[in-house]
Protein backbone atom coordinates (compact mmCIF):
# COMPACT_ATOMS: atom_id res chain seq x y z
CA SER A 1 -7.09 -32.31 -6.56
CA GLN A 2 -6.31 -28.64 -6.00
CA LEU A 3 -3.67 -28.60 -8.73
CA ILE A 4 -6.11 -29.87 -11.34
CA ARG A 5 -8.79 -27.34 -10.34
CA ALA A 6 -6.28 -24.48 -10.45
CA LEU A 7 -4.81 -25.55 -13.78
CA ALA A 8 -8.28 -25.96 -15.28
CA LEU A 9 -9.17 -22.39 -14.31
CA ARG A 10 -5.81 -21.09 -15.52
CA VAL A 11 -6.25 -22.72 -18.93
CA LEU A 12 -9.87 -21.64 -19.18
CA SER A 13 -9.02 -18.02 -18.35
CA SER A 14 -6.19 -18.02 -20.89
CA ILE A 15 -8.56 -18.73 -23.76
CA ARG A 16 -9.14 -15.35 -25.37
CA VAL A 17 -12.65 -15.89 -26.72
CA LYS A 18 -15.52 -13.67 -25.61
CA THR A 19 -18.15 -16.36 -26.11
CA ILE A 20 -16.89 -18.37 -23.12
CA LEU A 21 -16.51 -15.42 -20.74
CA GLN A 22 -19.59 -16.39 -18.74
CA VAL A 23 -18.12 -19.86 -18.19
CA VAL A 24 -14.82 -18.35 -17.05
CA ILE A 25 -16.60 -15.92 -14.72
CA HIS A 26 -18.58 -18.81 -13.24
CA GLY A 27 -15.31 -20.71 -12.76
CA ILE A 28 -13.80 -17.71 -10.96
CA THR A 29 -16.85 -17.39 -8.72
CA VAL A 30 -16.70 -21.06 -7.76
CA ALA A 31 -12.92 -20.97 -7.27
CA THR A 32 -13.11 -18.01 -4.86
CA LYS A 33 -14.95 -20.28 -2.42
CA ASP A 34 -12.57 -23.23 -2.83
CA SER A 35 -10.88 -24.66 0.24
CA SER A 36 -7.43 -24.48 -1.36
CA PRO A 37 -5.54 -21.16 -1.24
CA TYR A 38 -3.77 -22.12 -4.47
CA VAL A 39 -7.09 -22.36 -6.32
CA ARG A 40 -8.26 -19.04 -4.83
CA LYS A 41 -4.97 -17.43 -5.90
CA THR A 42 -5.53 -18.73 -9.43
CA ALA A 43 -9.01 -17.20 -9.37
CA ALA A 44 -7.51 -13.84 -8.38
CA ASN A 45 -4.99 -14.12 -11.22
CA ALA A 46 -7.78 -14.92 -13.69
CA ILE A 47 -9.78 -11.78 -12.90
CA PRO A 48 -7.51 -9.33 -14.80
CA LYS A 49 -7.44 -11.70 -17.79
CA VAL A 50 -11.22 -11.62 -18.07
CA PHE A 51 -11.27 -7.86 -17.57
CA ALA A 52 -8.68 -7.38 -20.33
CA LEU A 53 -10.90 -9.31 -22.71
CA ASP A 54 -14.10 -7.42 -21.83
CA GLU A 55 -14.04 -4.33 -19.61
CA GLU A 56 -17.83 -4.40 -19.26
CA THR A 57 -17.45 -7.35 -16.87
CA LEU A 58 -15.99 -5.07 -14.18
CA ASP A 59 -19.08 -5.04 -11.96
CA ILE A 60 -19.40 -8.81 -12.14
CA LEU A 61 -15.71 -9.34 -11.35
CA LEU A 62 -15.70 -7.02 -8.34
CA GLU A 63 -17.90 -9.40 -6.33
CA PRO A 64 -15.46 -12.34 -6.25
CA LEU A 65 -12.56 -9.90 -5.93
CA ALA A 66 -14.09 -8.37 -2.80
CA LEU A 67 -14.36 -11.85 -1.33
CA LEU A 68 -10.72 -12.61 -2.16
CA LEU A 69 -9.50 -9.38 -0.56
CA GLY A 70 -10.83 -10.65 2.76
CA ASP A 71 -9.00 -13.97 2.50
CA ARG A 72 -6.72 -15.15 5.29
CA SER A 73 -4.01 -16.61 3.08
CA GLY A 74 -1.12 -14.33 2.16
CA MET A 75 -0.80 -16.10 -1.17
CA VAL A 76 -4.36 -15.12 -2.07
CA ILE A 77 -4.21 -11.59 -0.70
CA GLY A 78 -1.19 -10.63 -2.80
CA SER A 79 -2.86 -11.79 -6.00
CA ALA A 80 -6.19 -10.20 -5.05
CA VAL A 81 -4.64 -6.79 -4.39
CA ALA A 82 -2.67 -7.07 -7.64
CA ALA A 83 -5.91 -7.81 -9.49
CA LEU A 84 -7.62 -4.85 -7.82
CA GLN A 85 -4.75 -2.54 -8.76
CA GLU A 86 -4.98 -3.73 -12.35
CA ILE A 87 -8.72 -3.57 -12.96
CA ALA A 88 -9.95 -0.85 -10.58
CA PRO A 89 -7.12 0.95 -8.77
CA SER A 90 -9.34 3.77 -7.53
CA ARG A 91 -11.99 1.53 -5.94
CA TYR A 92 -10.99 2.25 -2.35
CA ASP A 93 -14.35 1.04 -1.10
CA LEU A 94 -13.13 -2.52 -1.71
CA LEU A 95 -9.82 -1.91 0.05
CA HIS A 96 -11.21 0.04 3.02
CA PRO A 97 -12.77 -2.83 5.03
CA HIS A 98 -9.52 -4.78 4.84
CA PHE A 99 -7.04 -1.95 5.49
CA ARG A 100 -5.98 -3.01 9.00
CA SER A 101 -5.83 -6.70 8.18
CA LEU A 102 -3.71 -5.94 5.10
CA CYS A 103 -1.30 -3.98 7.30
CA GLY A 104 -1.09 -6.91 9.68
CA VAL A 105 -0.55 -9.58 7.05
CA LEU A 106 2.29 -7.75 5.27
CA ILE A 107 4.92 -9.73 7.15
CA ASP A 108 3.47 -13.03 5.88
CA LEU A 109 3.51 -12.05 2.20
CA ASP A 110 6.25 -12.85 -0.28
CA GLU A 111 8.44 -9.98 -1.50
CA TRP A 112 6.46 -9.22 -4.65
CA SER A 113 3.15 -9.28 -2.84
CA GLN A 114 4.54 -7.02 -0.12
CA THR A 115 5.48 -4.46 -2.76
CA ILE A 116 2.06 -4.61 -4.42
CA VAL A 117 0.13 -4.39 -1.15
CA LEU A 118 2.35 -1.60 0.21
CA ASN A 119 1.83 0.46 -2.94
CA ALA A 120 -1.93 -0.05 -2.71
CA LEU A 121 -1.98 0.89 0.98
CA LEU A 122 0.18 3.96 0.40
CA THR A 123 -2.07 5.17 -2.40
CA TYR A 124 -5.14 4.53 -0.25
CA THR A 125 -3.57 6.36 2.70
CA ARG A 126 -2.52 9.39 0.67
CA ASP A 127 -5.98 9.78 -0.80
CA ASN A 128 -8.11 9.01 2.25
CA LEU A 129 -6.31 9.91 5.46
CA ARG A 130 -5.63 13.43 6.63
CA GLN A 131 -2.09 14.56 7.14
CA PRO A 132 -1.33 15.41 10.74
CA SER A 133 -0.73 19.07 11.41
CA TYR A 134 2.37 20.02 13.32
CA PHE A 135 3.15 23.16 15.27
CA GLU A 136 6.03 25.21 14.13
CA GLU A 137 8.71 25.05 16.81
CA SER A 138 8.26 28.69 17.78
CA GLU A 139 4.48 28.24 18.04
CA ALA A 140 4.92 25.19 20.26
CA LEU A 141 7.35 27.01 22.57
CA GLU A 142 5.04 30.01 22.74
CA ALA A 143 2.05 27.81 23.60
CA ALA A 144 4.06 26.00 26.30
CA SER A 145 5.27 29.24 27.86
CA ASP A 146 1.71 30.65 27.87
CA LEU A 147 0.49 27.55 29.68
CA ALA A 148 3.35 27.73 32.17
CA ALA A 149 2.70 31.44 32.81
CA ASN A 150 -0.93 30.65 33.61
CA GLY A 151 0.14 27.88 35.98
CA GLU A 152 -1.36 25.17 33.80
CA ASP A 153 0.17 21.74 33.40
CA PHE A 154 1.17 21.15 29.79
CA GLY A 155 3.20 17.97 29.78
CA GLY A 156 1.57 15.58 32.14
CA ALA A 157 4.24 16.12 34.80
CA ASP A 158 3.13 16.92 38.30
CA ASN A 159 4.59 20.36 39.01
CA SER A 160 3.85 20.13 42.73
CA THR A 161 6.45 17.43 43.34
CA SER A 162 9.36 18.56 45.44
CA PHE A 163 12.74 16.93 45.39
CA ASP A 164 13.69 18.36 48.77
CA ASP A 165 13.51 15.89 51.63
């Protein structure tokens, strides 16, 4: 059952022995493709445990993590983003393909996952999206009056409309 598979991976990933890391990584890889969201969530939670034991496994762990970031289950997405923030917070290339879907799934996440995902999205946005530039109010008024003086339409309104009948 799904509970047994998830508990097996949880126990296996909690064993802090480097000699079985390859077995744990294989278990994570298999669990990321499991049909149960609970097992996939457990795989996402196991990734930081393996990374904490051996940081050289980062490249190997990023493959299943990238798969989990594209999951449809809110339960899995929250844990996957938390794992990403813990092991490689500056790897925006993993977050980028899922940016819009993460924004859309926020409403379906639990409170803790919402906080984690929002923080990740805010950090991503600050570092990767340009800030819009705004006119100063005086510059905007000056530009509008210049357009009006030249007879150009500047607001989308049809200036030829008459209200006289």
